[in-house]
């Protein structure tokens, strides 16, 4: 499972065997976990699930994902040899 980045205690990663899914990112910090779809064409994200996260935690990870949107999409595409 490739790790895209570590920031503010969050680990952002995706699974190497899920290349048939649209671009997504998992994030975990302590006992919190979530998954967001990366909607490249819309320049947006959509929460798939979250576990043990407060609204503040969700705002924080959404901010991190948006600030690193291109890095996440590029990491996915480079890993799976796709182009955006």
Foldseek 3Di string as FASTA:
>chain_A
DDWLDADPQKTKDDDLPPLVDAQKIWIDHDPKIWMWHQDPVVLAIHTPDIDPDDPVRVVVVRVVCSVCVVSSVVVSCVSVVHDD
